[in-house]
Amino acid sequence: MVIATMSCPQPATSVCRVTGIVDLVTAPVLADKLIEAVHNGQPHLVIDLSAIAVLDSIGLQAVFQALDRYDIEGHLAVVTDPRSTAISRPDISALSEIVDIHHALASALRACA
């Protein structure tokens, strides 16, 4: 199960905090929530993965493929916990090639300001 909660902690920025498991089964639920955020007119999107239990690289790829169909006008950032075992170092490296990676939400929000 994946839970994605949305907030707008600063002007023009949506934050999606993700908890639970991101895999091929739950990816469509997360993708729908992120697409909803894009449609809400906020130009910047932060995906906070720092509290996930499991992150499957195929599931994450499915999420970003869904997002790729939409034009995100502003900054796209992802927050990860470098101490977490839920996401592997190779996955973080691959992710950093397509989005801006941060290890704290505050840092990601500054990048979107």
Protein backbone atom coordinates (compact mmCIF):
# COMPACT_ATOMS: atom_id res chain seq x y z
CA MET A 1 0.00 0.00 0.00
CA VAL A 2 1.18 3.52 -0.78
CA ILE A 3 -0.11 6.71 0.82
CA ALA A 4 0.53 10.04 -0.87
CA THR A 5 -0.50 13.22 0.94
CA MET A 6 -0.37 16.61 -0.69
CA SER A 7 0.45 19.99 0.81
CA CYS A 8 1.41 23.46 -0.40
CA PRO A 9 3.95 24.70 2.16
CA GLN A 10 4.97 27.74 0.11
CA PRO A 11 3.59 29.65 -2.86
CA ALA A 12 3.79 27.86 -6.22
CA THR A 13 5.02 24.57 -4.71
CA SER A 14 3.20 21.30 -4.09
CA VAL A 15 4.76 18.64 -1.88
CA CYS A 16 3.70 15.02 -2.12
CA ARG A 17 4.81 13.06 0.95
CA VAL A 18 4.91 9.36 0.16
CA THR A 19 4.75 6.56 2.72
CA GLY A 20 4.39 2.81 2.33
CA ILE A 21 5.51 0.75 -0.63
CA VAL A 22 6.15 2.01 -4.15
CA ASP A 23 6.14 -0.87 -6.60
CA LEU A 24 4.56 -1.76 -9.93
CA VAL A 25 1.18 -2.36 -8.25
CA THR A 26 1.06 0.91 -6.28
CA ALA A 27 2.79 3.11 -8.89
CA PRO A 28 -0.47 4.08 -10.66
CA VAL A 29 -1.94 5.38 -7.38
CA LEU A 30 1.12 7.54 -6.75
CA ALA A 31 1.27 8.68 -10.37
CA ASP A 32 -2.40 9.78 -10.23
CA LYS A 33 -1.73 11.84 -7.09
CA LEU A 34 1.31 13.51 -8.69
CA ILE A 35 -0.57 14.23 -11.91
CA GLU A 36 -3.33 15.79 -9.79
CA ALA A 37 -0.69 18.08 -8.26
CA VAL A 38 0.55 19.08 -11.72
CA HIS A 39 -3.01 19.89 -12.79
CA ASN A 40 -3.57 22.06 -9.70
CA GLY A 41 -1.46 24.75 -11.32
CA GLN A 42 1.52 24.75 -8.97
CA PRO A 43 4.63 25.07 -11.16
CA HIS A 44 6.98 23.33 -8.69
CA LEU A 45 6.62 19.76 -7.42
CA VAL A 46 8.53 18.09 -4.59
CA ILE A 47 8.16 14.34 -4.12
CA ASP A 48 9.18 13.43 -0.57
CA LEU A 49 10.30 9.78 -0.51
CA SER A 50 12.14 10.07 2.80
CA ALA A 51 9.57 8.00 4.73
CA ILE A 52 8.91 5.14 2.32
CA ALA A 53 9.23 1.55 3.50
CA VAL A 54 10.06 0.00 0.11
CA LEU A 55 10.89 1.60 -3.21
CA ASP A 56 10.98 -0.71 -6.18
CA SER A 57 12.90 0.79 -9.10
CA ILE A 58 10.38 -0.54 -11.63
CA GLY A 59 7.56 1.10 -9.69
CA LEU A 60 9.44 4.37 -9.51
CA GLN A 61 10.14 4.19 -13.24
CA ALA A 62 6.40 3.75 -13.88
CA VAL A 63 5.67 6.86 -11.81
CA PHE A 64 8.13 8.98 -13.78
CA GLN A 65 6.91 7.61 -17.10
CA ALA A 66 3.41 8.77 -16.15
CA LEU A 67 4.73 12.19 -15.12
CA ASP A 68 6.71 12.49 -18.34
CA ARG A 69 3.45 12.84 -20.27
CA TYR A 70 2.76 16.14 -18.49
CA ASP A 71 4.65 19.38 -18.77
CA ILE A 72 5.91 20.42 -15.36
CA GLU A 73 6.53 24.13 -15.74
CA GLY A 74 8.80 24.63 -12.77
CA HIS A 75 11.20 22.66 -10.66
CA LEU A 76 10.84 18.92 -9.96
CA ALA A 77 12.67 17.74 -6.85
CA VAL A 78 12.80 14.49 -4.92
CA VAL A 79 13.67 14.14 -1.24
CA THR A 80 15.36 10.92 -0.11
CA ASP A 81 16.79 9.82 3.21
CA PRO A 82 20.44 8.86 2.63
CA ARG A 83 20.30 6.50 5.64
CA SER A 84 17.27 4.62 4.35
CA THR A 85 17.60 1.11 2.99
CA ALA A 86 14.31 1.48 1.09
CA ILE A 87 16.06 3.00 -1.92
CA SER A 88 19.34 1.67 -3.27
CA ARG A 89 22.34 3.81 -4.12
CA PRO A 90 22.16 2.82 -7.82
CA ASP A 91 18.50 3.88 -7.88
CA ILE A 92 19.40 7.24 -6.32
CA SER A 93 22.14 7.71 -8.92
CA ALA A 94 19.77 6.88 -11.76
CA LEU A 95 17.10 9.16 -10.30
CA SER A 96 19.56 12.04 -9.99
CA GLU A 97 20.03 11.95 -13.77
CA ILE A 98 16.41 13.01 -14.34
CA VAL A 99 15.43 15.03 -11.23
CA ASP A 100 16.97 17.20 -8.56
CA ILE A 101 17.74 15.05 -5.46
CA HIS A 102 17.75 16.50 -1.94
CA HIS A 103 18.29 14.90 1.46
CA ALA A 104 16.03 17.34 3.31
CA LEU A 105 12.65 18.85 2.53
CA ALA A 106 13.90 22.33 3.44
CA SER A 107 16.60 22.09 0.81
CA ALA A 108 14.11 21.00 -1.86
CA LEU A 109 11.78 23.86 -0.95
CA ARG A 110 14.63 26.38 -1.23
CA ALA A 111 15.40 25.02 -4.71
CA CYS A 112 11.77 25.65 -5.68
CA ALA A 113 11.57 29.17 -4.23
